[in-house]
């Protein structure tokens, strides 16, 4: 997702002809930075996908597994009037 956004940003940057107001070296450096960022984002996305465990039907019925993110509030903080999300 991030890599796709960076790819599109690079295409828009190159197509916008910013080199008319930027030095050629700065233009090339920014384009290369976007390309490197895209490559790093693709690596991170591949790594994240390799670590994902698909949910199975049994996960939805297991009370020890929170399928959706939840916030817990410490009762001590609530009683003292301090409202912290942890």
C-alpha atoms as a PDB file:
ATOM      1  CA  UNK A   1       0.000   0.000   0.000  1.00  0.00           C
ATOM      2  CA  UNK A   2       2.746   2.462   0.968  1.00  0.00           C
ATOM      3  CA  UNK A   3       4.898   1.357  -1.947  1.00  0.00           C
ATOM      4  CA  UNK A   4       2.029   1.989  -4.363  1.00  0.00           C
ATOM      5  CA  UNK A   5       1.531   5.466  -2.952  1.00  0.00           C
ATOM      6  CA  UNK A   6       5.237   6.244  -3.292  1.00  0.00           C
ATOM      7  CA  UNK A   7       5.244   4.947  -6.881  1.00  0.00           C
ATOM      8  CA  UNK A   8       2.344   7.228  -7.762  1.00  0.00           C
ATOM      9  CA  UNK A   9       3.997  10.161  -6.010  1.00  0.00           C
ATOM     10  CA  UNK A  10       7.185   9.597  -8.019  1.00  0.00           C
ATOM     11  CA  UNK A  11       5.225   9.431 -11.286  1.00  0.00           C
ATOM     12  CA  UNK A  12       3.414  12.671 -10.427  1.00  0.00           C
ATOM     13  CA  UNK A  13       6.680  14.324  -9.428  1.00  0.00           C
ATOM     14  CA  UNK A  14       8.418  13.339 -12.655  1.00  0.00           C
ATOM     15  CA  UNK A  15       5.411  14.352 -14.761  1.00  0.00           C
ATOM     16  CA  UNK A  16       4.960  17.726 -13.054  1.00  0.00           C
ATOM     17  CA  UNK A  17       8.134  19.127 -14.586  1.00  0.00           C
ATOM     18  CA  UNK A  18       9.383  20.469 -11.267  1.00  0.00           C
ATOM     19  CA  UNK A  19      12.818  20.608 -12.833  1.00  0.00           C
ATOM     20  CA  UNK A  20      11.893  24.034 -14.213  1.00  0.00           C
ATOM     21  CA  UNK A  21      12.021  25.462 -10.687  1.00  0.00           C
ATOM     22  CA  UNK A  22      14.507  23.015  -9.166  1.00  0.00           C
ATOM     23  CA  UNK A  23      18.154  22.491  -9.857  1.00  0.00           C
ATOM     24  CA  UNK A  24      18.639  19.321 -11.925  1.00  0.00           C
ATOM     25  CA  UNK A  25      20.703  17.738  -9.127  1.00  0.00           C
ATOM     26  CA  UNK A  26      17.968  18.397  -6.556  1.00  0.00           C
ATOM     27  CA  UNK A  27      15.328  17.060  -8.932  1.00  0.00           C
ATOM     28  CA  UNK A  28      17.291  13.846  -9.516  1.00  0.00           C
ATOM     29  CA  UNK A  29      18.025  13.438  -5.795  1.00  0.00           C
ATOM     30  CA  UNK A  30      14.335  13.755  -4.905  1.00  0.00           C
ATOM     31  CA  UNK A  31      13.323  11.289  -7.629  1.00  0.00           C
ATOM     32  CA  UNK A  32      15.969   8.811  -6.433  1.00  0.00           C
ATOM     33  CA  UNK A  33      14.820   9.262  -2.822  1.00  0.00           C
ATOM     34  CA  UNK A  34      11.250   8.424  -3.845  1.00  0.00           C
ATOM     35  CA  UNK A  35      12.505   5.361  -5.726  1.00  0.00           C
ATOM     36  CA  UNK A  36      14.571   4.153  -2.748  1.00  0.00           C
ATOM     37  CA  UNK A  37      11.616   4.762  -0.413  1.00  0.00           C
ATOM     38  CA  UNK A  38       9.418   2.696  -2.726  1.00  0.00           C
ATOM     39  CA  UNK A  39      11.909  -0.167  -2.712  1.00  0.00           C
ATOM     40  CA  UNK A  40      12.164  -0.103   1.097  1.00  0.00           C
ATOM     41  CA  UNK A  41       8.371   0.005   1.436  1.00  0.00           C
ATOM     42  CA  UNK A  42       8.055  -3.015  -0.867  1.00  0.00           C
ATOM     43  CA  UNK A  43      10.580  -4.932   1.264  1.00  0.00           C
ATOM     44  CA  UNK A  44       8.690  -4.060   4.453  1.00  0.00           C
ATOM     45  CA  UNK A  45       5.373  -5.068   2.890  1.00  0.00           C
ATOM     46  CA  UNK A  46       6.809  -8.437   1.803  1.00  0.00           C
ATOM     47  CA  UNK A  47       8.227  -8.998   5.293  1.00  0.00           C
ATOM     48  CA  UNK A  48       4.924  -8.080   6.935  1.00  0.00           C
ATOM     49  CA  UNK A  49       2.984 -10.419   4.626  1.00  0.00           C
ATOM     50  CA  UNK A  50       5.375 -13.267   5.426  1.00  0.00           C
ATOM     51  CA  UNK A  51       4.685 -12.839   9.159  1.00  0.00           C
ATOM     52  CA  UNK A  52       0.880 -12.750   8.898  1.00  0.00           C
ATOM     53  CA  UNK A  53      -1.085 -15.621  10.368  1.00  0.00           C
ATOM     54  CA  UNK A  54      -4.452 -15.988   8.632  1.00  0.00           C
ATOM     55  CA  UNK A  55      -7.478 -15.988  10.905  1.00  0.00           C
ATOM     56  CA  UNK A  56      -9.452 -19.193  11.110  1.00  0.00           C
ATOM     57  CA  UNK A  57     -13.019 -19.726  12.303  1.00  0.00           C
ATOM     58  CA  UNK A  58     -11.748 -20.990  15.668  1.00  0.00           C
ATOM     59  CA  UNK A  59     -10.048 -17.639  16.328  1.00  0.00           C
ATOM     60  CA  UNK A  60     -13.384 -15.853  16.368  1.00  0.00           C
ATOM     61  CA  UNK A  61     -14.692 -18.100  19.148  1.00  0.00           C
ATOM     62  CA  UNK A  62     -11.562 -18.042  21.339  1.00  0.00           C
ATOM     63  CA  UNK A  63     -12.023 -15.548  24.217  1.00  0.00           C
ATOM     64  CA  UNK A  64      -8.231 -15.240  24.632  1.00  0.00           C
ATOM     65  CA  UNK A  65      -7.797 -13.782  21.152  1.00  0.00           C
ATOM     66  CA  UNK A  66      -8.974 -10.236  20.495  1.00  0.00           C
ATOM     67  CA  UNK A  67      -9.824 -10.093  16.806  1.00  0.00           C
ATOM     68  CA  UNK A  68     -10.274  -6.327  16.818  1.00  0.00           C
ATOM     69  CA  UNK A  69      -8.027  -3.856  18.667  1.00  0.00           C
ATOM     70  CA  UNK A  70      -9.356  -2.955  22.079  1.00  0.00           C
ATOM     71  CA  UNK A  71      -8.435  -0.313  24.634  1.00  0.00           C
ATOM     72  CA  UNK A  72      -8.072  -1.226  28.258  1.00  0.00           C
ATOM     73  CA  UNK A  73      -8.398   1.260  31.067  1.00  0.00           C
ATOM     74  CA  UNK A  74      -6.780   0.656  34.410  1.00  0.00           C
ATOM     75  CA  UNK A  75      -9.400   0.926  37.156  1.00  0.00           C
ATOM     76  CA  UNK A  76      -6.958   2.794  39.415  1.00  0.00           C
ATOM     77  CA  UNK A  77      -6.621   5.585  36.868  1.00  0.00           C
ATOM     78  CA  UNK A  78     -10.377   5.869  36.392  1.00  0.00           C
ATOM     79  CA  UNK A  79     -10.998   6.079  40.148  1.00  0.00           C
ATOM     80  CA  UNK A  80      -8.373   8.818  40.522  1.00  0.00           C
ATOM     81  CA  UNK A  81      -9.886  10.809  37.682  1.00  0.00           C
ATOM     82  CA  UNK A  82      -6.956  10.163  35.366  1.00  0.00           C
ATOM     83  CA  UNK A  83      -8.097   8.992  31.969  1.00  0.00           C
ATOM     84  CA  UNK A  84      -5.246   7.069  30.293  1.00  0.00           C
ATOM     85  CA  UNK A  85      -5.668   4.695  27.383  1.00  0.00           C
ATOM     86  CA  UNK A  86      -3.151   1.876  27.525  1.00  0.00           C
END
